[in-house]
Amino acid sequence: MNKKEVRLRRARKTRAKIAELKAVRLTVFRSNSHIYAQVISGCGSRVIAAASTVEPAVRSQVSNGGNTEAATLVGKLIAERAKSAGVDTVAFDRAGFLYHGRVKALAEAAREGGLQF
């Protein structure tokens, strides 16, 4: 197995539990250059809110999209957008990534922004 398959294998168990609960989930994906966050509905078919370092508004504020500073900014932005869409409580889906570094920075910023998980 390669790194990606191992990560997706880790993610499968978490996603199965979240789907069983039918909870709204905050999903995170990180690449070397960027970080992306989406709030997905309980049925899993609709994206309620999204934010990433690819957006021009975010790119103008950070020089590098692949660091914790950028992840913190995306966390605050996703929390703001989710709150405006009427979502207060989410389940955190880290997509098999370790809760460390950029993923942790995004999660903590989203919590500070008012999301509960």
N, C-alpha and C. Protein backbone atom coordinates (compact mmCIF):
# COMPACT_ATOMS: atom_id res chain seq x y z
N MET A 1 0.83 -1.20 0.00
CA MET A 1 0.00 0.00 0.00
C MET A 1 0.87 1.25 0.00
N ASN A 2 0.40 2.24 -0.71
CA ASN A 2 1.13 3.50 -0.71
C ASN A 2 0.52 4.44 0.33
N LYS A 3 1.13 5.61 0.46
CA LYS A 3 0.71 6.57 1.49
C LYS A 3 -0.76 6.98 1.36
N LYS A 4 -1.20 7.21 0.13
CA LYS A 4 -2.58 7.66 -0.09
C LYS A 4 -3.58 6.59 0.31
N GLU A 5 -3.30 5.34 -0.06
CA GLU A 5 -4.21 4.24 0.29
C GLU A 5 -4.31 4.06 1.81
N VAL A 6 -3.20 4.20 2.49
CA VAL A 6 -3.19 4.08 3.95
C VAL A 6 -4.01 5.19 4.59
N ARG A 7 -3.85 6.42 4.07
CA ARG A 7 -4.62 7.56 4.59
C ARG A 7 -6.11 7.35 4.35
N LEU A 8 -6.50 6.91 3.16
CA LEU A 8 -7.92 6.70 2.87
C LEU A 8 -8.50 5.54 3.68
N ARG A 9 -7.67 4.58 4.00
CA ARG A 9 -8.11 3.47 4.85
C ARG A 9 -8.42 3.97 6.26
N ARG A 10 -7.57 4.88 6.76
CA ARG A 10 -7.82 5.50 8.07
C ARG A 10 -9.09 6.32 8.04
N ALA A 11 -9.33 7.00 6.92
CA ALA A 11 -10.49 7.89 6.80
C ALA A 11 -11.80 7.11 6.73
N ARG A 12 -11.77 5.92 6.19
CA ARG A 12 -13.00 5.14 5.95
C ARG A 12 -13.79 4.89 7.24
N LYS A 13 -13.11 4.56 8.33
CA LYS A 13 -13.78 4.26 9.59
C LYS A 13 -14.47 5.50 10.15
N THR A 14 -13.79 6.63 10.11
CA THR A 14 -14.37 7.89 10.61
C THR A 14 -15.58 8.28 9.78
N ARG A 15 -15.45 8.19 8.47
CA ARG A 15 -16.55 8.58 7.59
C ARG A 15 -17.76 7.66 7.76
N ALA A 16 -17.52 6.39 8.02
CA ALA A 16 -18.63 5.46 8.23
C ALA A 16 -19.39 5.83 9.50
N LYS A 17 -18.69 6.18 10.54
CA LYS A 17 -19.33 6.57 11.80
C LYS A 17 -20.12 7.86 11.64
N ILE A 18 -19.54 8.84 10.94
CA ILE A 18 -20.22 10.12 10.72
C ILE A 18 -21.47 9.91 9.86
N ALA A 19 -21.39 9.04 8.86
CA ALA A 19 -22.54 8.75 7.99
C ALA A 19 -23.65 8.05 8.78
N GLU A 20 -23.24 7.19 9.71
CA GLU A 20 -24.21 6.48 10.56
C GLU A 20 -24.98 7.47 11.44
N LEU A 21 -24.29 8.50 11.94
CA LEU A 21 -24.92 9.50 12.79
C LEU A 21 -25.71 10.54 11.98
N LYS A 22 -25.49 10.55 10.66
CA LYS A 22 -26.10 11.55 9.77
C LYS A 22 -25.82 12.97 10.24
N ALA A 23 -24.58 13.19 10.63
CA ALA A 23 -24.15 14.49 11.14
C ALA A 23 -23.57 15.33 10.00
N VAL A 24 -23.70 16.63 10.11
CA VAL A 24 -23.04 17.55 9.19
C VAL A 24 -21.55 17.45 9.48
N ARG A 25 -20.74 17.34 8.43
CA ARG A 25 -19.31 17.15 8.67
C ARG A 25 -18.45 18.25 8.07
N LEU A 26 -17.37 18.55 8.76
CA LEU A 26 -16.36 19.48 8.29
C LEU A 26 -15.20 18.64 7.77
N THR A 27 -15.03 18.60 6.47
CA THR A 27 -14.00 17.79 5.84
C THR A 27 -12.80 18.64 5.46
N VAL A 28 -11.61 18.11 5.70
CA VAL A 28 -10.37 18.82 5.41
C VAL A 28 -9.56 18.00 4.42
N PHE A 29 -8.99 18.68 3.44
CA PHE A 29 -8.02 18.05 2.55
C PHE A 29 -6.82 18.97 2.47
N ARG A 30 -5.64 18.40 2.57
CA ARG A 30 -4.45 19.21 2.45
C ARG A 30 -3.53 18.62 1.39
N SER A 31 -2.97 19.49 0.60
CA SER A 31 -1.92 19.10 -0.34
C SER A 31 -0.65 19.82 0.11
N ASN A 32 0.41 19.67 -0.64
CA ASN A 32 1.65 20.34 -0.26
C ASN A 32 1.52 21.86 -0.35
N SER A 33 0.72 22.33 -1.32
CA SER A 33 0.64 23.77 -1.54
C SER A 33 -0.59 24.45 -0.98
N HIS A 34 -1.66 23.70 -0.72
CA HIS A 34 -2.93 24.32 -0.31
C HIS A 34 -3.65 23.48 0.73
N ILE A 35 -4.68 24.08 1.33
CA ILE A 35 -5.56 23.36 2.25
C ILE A 35 -7.00 23.75 1.93
N TYR A 36 -7.87 22.78 1.96
CA TYR A 36 -9.26 22.96 1.57
C TYR A 36 -10.16 22.48 2.71
N ALA A 37 -11.29 23.14 2.91
CA ALA A 37 -12.26 22.72 3.93
C ALA A 37 -13.66 22.85 3.35
N GLN A 38 -14.50 21.85 3.64
CA GLN A 38 -15.88 21.87 3.19
C GLN A 38 -16.78 21.44 4.33
N VAL A 39 -17.95 22.06 4.43
CA VAL A 39 -18.98 21.61 5.35
C VAL A 39 -20.01 20.90 4.47
N ILE A 40 -20.20 19.60 4.73
CA ILE A 40 -21.05 18.76 3.90
C ILE A 40 -22.28 18.34 4.71
N SER A 41 -23.44 18.33 4.05
CA SER A 41 -24.71 18.02 4.73
C SER A 41 -24.71 16.60 5.27
N GLY A 42 -25.66 16.31 6.14
CA GLY A 42 -25.75 15.01 6.79
C GLY A 42 -25.98 13.87 5.82
N CYS A 43 -26.69 14.12 4.73
CA CYS A 43 -26.93 13.08 3.74
C CYS A 43 -25.70 12.87 2.85
N GLY A 44 -24.78 13.82 2.86
CA GLY A 44 -23.53 13.69 2.12
C GLY A 44 -23.63 14.11 0.67
N SER A 45 -24.74 14.71 0.28
CA SER A 45 -24.92 15.04 -1.13
C SER A 45 -24.78 16.54 -1.43
N ARG A 46 -24.69 17.36 -0.40
CA ARG A 46 -24.69 18.80 -0.62
C ARG A 46 -23.57 19.49 0.16
N VAL A 47 -22.84 20.37 -0.51
CA VAL A 47 -21.82 21.17 0.15
C VAL A 47 -22.48 22.44 0.64
N ILE A 48 -22.45 22.66 1.96
CA ILE A 48 -23.09 23.81 2.57
C ILE A 48 -22.18 25.03 2.52
N ALA A 49 -20.90 24.83 2.81
CA ALA A 49 -19.92 25.92 2.80
C ALA A 49 -18.56 25.36 2.41
N ALA A 50 -17.74 26.21 1.82
CA ALA A 50 -16.40 25.78 1.43
C ALA A 50 -15.43 26.95 1.54
N ALA A 51 -14.17 26.62 1.81
CA ALA A 51 -13.12 27.63 1.86
C ALA A 51 -11.80 26.94 1.56
N SER A 52 -10.90 27.65 0.91
CA SER A 52 -9.59 27.09 0.62
C SER A 52 -8.58 28.20 0.37
N THR A 53 -7.32 27.82 0.30
CA THR A 53 -6.27 28.78 0.05
C THR A 53 -6.14 29.09 -1.44
N VAL A 54 -6.96 28.46 -2.28
CA VAL A 54 -6.93 28.72 -3.71
C VAL A 54 -7.72 29.98 -4.05
N GLU A 55 -8.65 30.37 -3.18
CA GLU A 55 -9.49 31.55 -3.42
C GLU A 55 -8.65 32.82 -3.48
N PRO A 56 -8.98 33.72 -4.40
CA PRO A 56 -8.21 34.97 -4.53
C PRO A 56 -8.19 35.81 -3.25
N ALA A 57 -9.29 35.83 -2.51
CA ALA A 57 -9.34 36.62 -1.27
C ALA A 57 -8.34 36.10 -0.24
N VAL A 58 -8.19 34.80 -0.17
CA VAL A 58 -7.25 34.19 0.79
C VAL A 58 -5.82 34.33 0.28
N ARG A 59 -5.64 34.15 -1.01
CA ARG A 59 -4.29 34.23 -1.59
C ARG A 59 -3.67 35.60 -1.41
N SER A 60 -4.52 36.63 -1.40
CA SER A 60 -3.98 37.98 -1.22
C SER A 60 -3.50 38.22 0.21
N GLN A 61 -4.03 37.43 1.17
CA GLN A 61 -3.67 37.63 2.58
C GLN A 61 -2.47 36.79 3.01
N VAL A 62 -2.24 35.66 2.35
CA VAL A 62 -1.10 34.80 2.73
C VAL A 62 -0.20 34.59 1.52
N SER A 63 1.09 34.51 1.78
CA SER A 63 2.03 34.32 0.68
C SER A 63 2.14 32.86 0.27
N ASN A 64 1.99 31.95 1.25
CA ASN A 64 2.12 30.52 0.99
C ASN A 64 0.86 29.81 1.50
N GLY A 65 0.22 29.03 0.67
CA GLY A 65 -1.00 28.34 1.07
C GLY A 65 -0.76 27.05 1.83
N GLY A 66 0.49 26.64 1.95
CA GLY A 66 0.80 25.37 2.58
C GLY A 66 1.42 25.49 3.95
N ASN A 67 0.98 26.47 4.76
CA ASN A 67 1.52 26.59 6.11
C ASN A 67 0.40 26.76 7.13
N THR A 68 0.73 26.77 8.41
CA THR A 68 -0.29 26.83 9.46
C THR A 68 -0.99 28.18 9.50
N GLU A 69 -0.31 29.23 9.08
CA GLU A 69 -0.95 30.56 9.04
C GLU A 69 -2.12 30.54 8.05
N ALA A 70 -1.90 29.94 6.88
CA ALA A 70 -2.95 29.84 5.87
C ALA A 70 -4.09 28.93 6.36
N ALA A 71 -3.74 27.84 7.05
CA ALA A 71 -4.74 26.93 7.57
C ALA A 71 -5.61 27.61 8.63
N THR A 72 -5.02 28.45 9.45
CA THR A 72 -5.77 29.20 10.45
C THR A 72 -6.75 30.15 9.78
N LEU A 73 -6.32 30.80 8.74
CA LEU A 73 -7.20 31.72 8.01
C LEU A 73 -8.37 30.97 7.37
N VAL A 74 -8.11 29.81 6.79
CA VAL A 74 -9.17 29.00 6.17
C VAL A 74 -10.13 28.49 7.25
N GLY A 75 -9.63 28.14 8.43
CA GLY A 75 -10.47 27.69 9.54
C GLY A 75 -11.44 28.77 9.98
N LYS A 76 -10.94 30.00 10.10
CA LYS A 76 -11.82 31.11 10.48
C LYS A 76 -12.86 31.38 9.41
N LEU A 77 -12.44 31.29 8.15
CA LEU A 77 -13.34 31.55 7.03
C LEU A 77 -14.43 30.50 6.92
N ILE A 78 -14.09 29.23 7.10
CA ILE A 78 -15.09 28.16 6.99
C ILE A 78 -16.08 28.26 8.14
N ALA A 79 -15.61 28.64 9.33
CA ALA A 79 -16.51 28.80 10.47
C ALA A 79 -17.50 29.93 10.22
N GLU A 80 -17.01 31.02 9.68
CA GLU A 80 -17.86 32.18 9.38
C GLU A 80 -18.92 31.81 8.34
N ARG A 81 -18.50 31.10 7.28
CA ARG A 81 -19.44 30.72 6.22
C ARG A 81 -20.45 29.68 6.69
N ALA A 82 -20.03 28.75 7.53
CA ALA A 82 -20.95 27.74 8.06
C ALA A 82 -21.97 28.38 8.99
N LYS A 83 -21.52 29.31 9.83
CA LYS A 83 -22.44 30.00 10.74
C LYS A 83 -23.48 30.80 9.95
N SER A 84 -23.05 31.44 8.87
CA SER A 84 -24.00 32.22 8.06
C SER A 84 -24.99 31.31 7.32
N ALA A 85 -24.60 30.05 7.10
CA ALA A 85 -25.50 29.08 6.47
C ALA A 85 -26.40 28.39 7.50
N GLY A 86 -26.21 28.71 8.79
CA GLY A 86 -27.05 28.16 9.84
C GLY A 86 -26.54 26.88 10.48
N VAL A 87 -25.27 26.58 10.31
CA VAL A 87 -24.68 25.37 10.89
C VAL A 87 -23.83 25.76 12.09
N ASP A 88 -24.13 25.17 13.25
CA ASP A 88 -23.36 25.45 14.46
C ASP A 88 -22.52 24.25 14.89
N THR A 89 -23.05 23.05 14.71
CA THR A 89 -22.39 21.84 15.18
C THR A 89 -22.01 20.96 13.99
N VAL A 90 -20.78 20.50 13.96
CA VAL A 90 -20.30 19.64 12.88
C VAL A 90 -19.51 18.47 13.47
N ALA A 91 -19.30 17.45 12.66
CA ALA A 91 -18.39 16.37 13.00
C ALA A 91 -17.12 16.61 12.20
N PHE A 92 -15.96 16.53 12.82
CA PHE A 92 -14.70 16.85 12.15
C PHE A 92 -14.17 15.61 11.43
N ASP A 93 -14.08 15.70 10.12
CA ASP A 93 -13.55 14.62 9.29
C ASP A 93 -12.19 15.07 8.77
N ARG A 94 -11.15 14.50 9.36
CA ARG A 94 -9.80 14.92 8.98
C ARG A 94 -9.27 14.12 7.79
N ALA A 95 -10.12 13.28 7.20
CA ALA A 95 -9.82 12.54 5.97
C ALA A 95 -8.56 11.68 6.09
N GLY A 96 -8.30 11.13 7.26
CA GLY A 96 -7.16 10.26 7.45
C GLY A 96 -5.86 10.98 7.74
N PHE A 97 -5.85 12.30 7.65
CA PHE A 97 -4.65 13.06 7.97
C PHE A 97 -4.48 13.09 9.49
N LEU A 98 -3.25 13.11 9.95
CA LEU A 98 -3.00 13.16 11.38
C LEU A 98 -3.42 14.51 11.95
N TYR A 99 -3.96 14.50 13.16
CA TYR A 99 -4.39 15.74 13.82
C TYR A 99 -3.15 16.44 14.34
N HIS A 100 -2.49 17.15 13.44
CA HIS A 100 -1.20 17.76 13.75
C HIS A 100 -0.92 18.84 12.72
N GLY A 101 -0.24 19.87 13.09
CA GLY A 101 0.18 20.89 12.13
C GLY A 101 -0.96 21.67 11.52
N ARG A 102 -1.06 21.63 10.19
CA ARG A 102 -2.06 22.42 9.48
C ARG A 102 -3.49 21.98 9.77
N VAL A 103 -3.71 20.68 9.89
CA VAL A 103 -5.06 20.17 10.18
C VAL A 103 -5.50 20.64 11.56
N LYS A 104 -4.59 20.57 12.52
CA LYS A 104 -4.90 21.03 13.88
C LYS A 104 -5.14 22.54 13.91
N ALA A 105 -4.35 23.30 13.18
CA ALA A 105 -4.51 24.76 13.13
C ALA A 105 -5.87 25.13 12.55
N LEU A 106 -6.29 24.43 11.49
CA LEU A 106 -7.59 24.70 10.88
C LEU A 106 -8.71 24.37 11.86
N ALA A 107 -8.62 23.24 12.54
CA ALA A 107 -9.66 22.83 13.48
C ALA A 107 -9.78 23.80 14.65
N GLU A 108 -8.67 24.23 15.20
CA GLU A 108 -8.70 25.16 16.33
C GLU A 108 -9.26 26.52 15.91
N ALA A 109 -8.91 26.97 14.70
CA ALA A 109 -9.44 28.25 14.21
C ALA A 109 -10.95 28.16 13.97
N ALA A 110 -11.42 27.01 13.49
CA ALA A 110 -12.86 26.82 13.28
C ALA A 110 -13.60 26.82 14.61
N ARG A 111 -12.99 26.22 15.62
CA ARG A 111 -13.60 26.23 16.96
C ARG A 111 -13.67 27.65 17.50
N GLU A 112 -12.60 28.41 17.34
CA GLU A 112 -12.59 29.81 17.79
C GLU A 112 -13.62 30.64 17.03
N GLY A 113 -13.87 30.25 15.76
CA GLY A 113 -14.86 30.96 14.94
C GLY A 113 -16.29 30.64 15.32
N GLY A 114 -16.50 29.65 16.20
CA GLY A 114 -17.83 29.37 16.68
C GLY A 114 -18.40 28.02 16.33
N LEU A 115 -17.69 27.21 15.55
CA LEU A 115 -18.18 25.87 15.26
C LEU A 115 -17.92 24.96 16.44
N GLN A 116 -18.84 24.07 16.71
CA GLN A 116 -18.68 23.12 17.80
C GLN A 116 -18.47 21.72 17.25
N PHE A 117 -17.39 21.07 17.69
CA PHE A 117 -17.13 19.66 17.37
C PHE A 117 -16.14 19.07 18.33
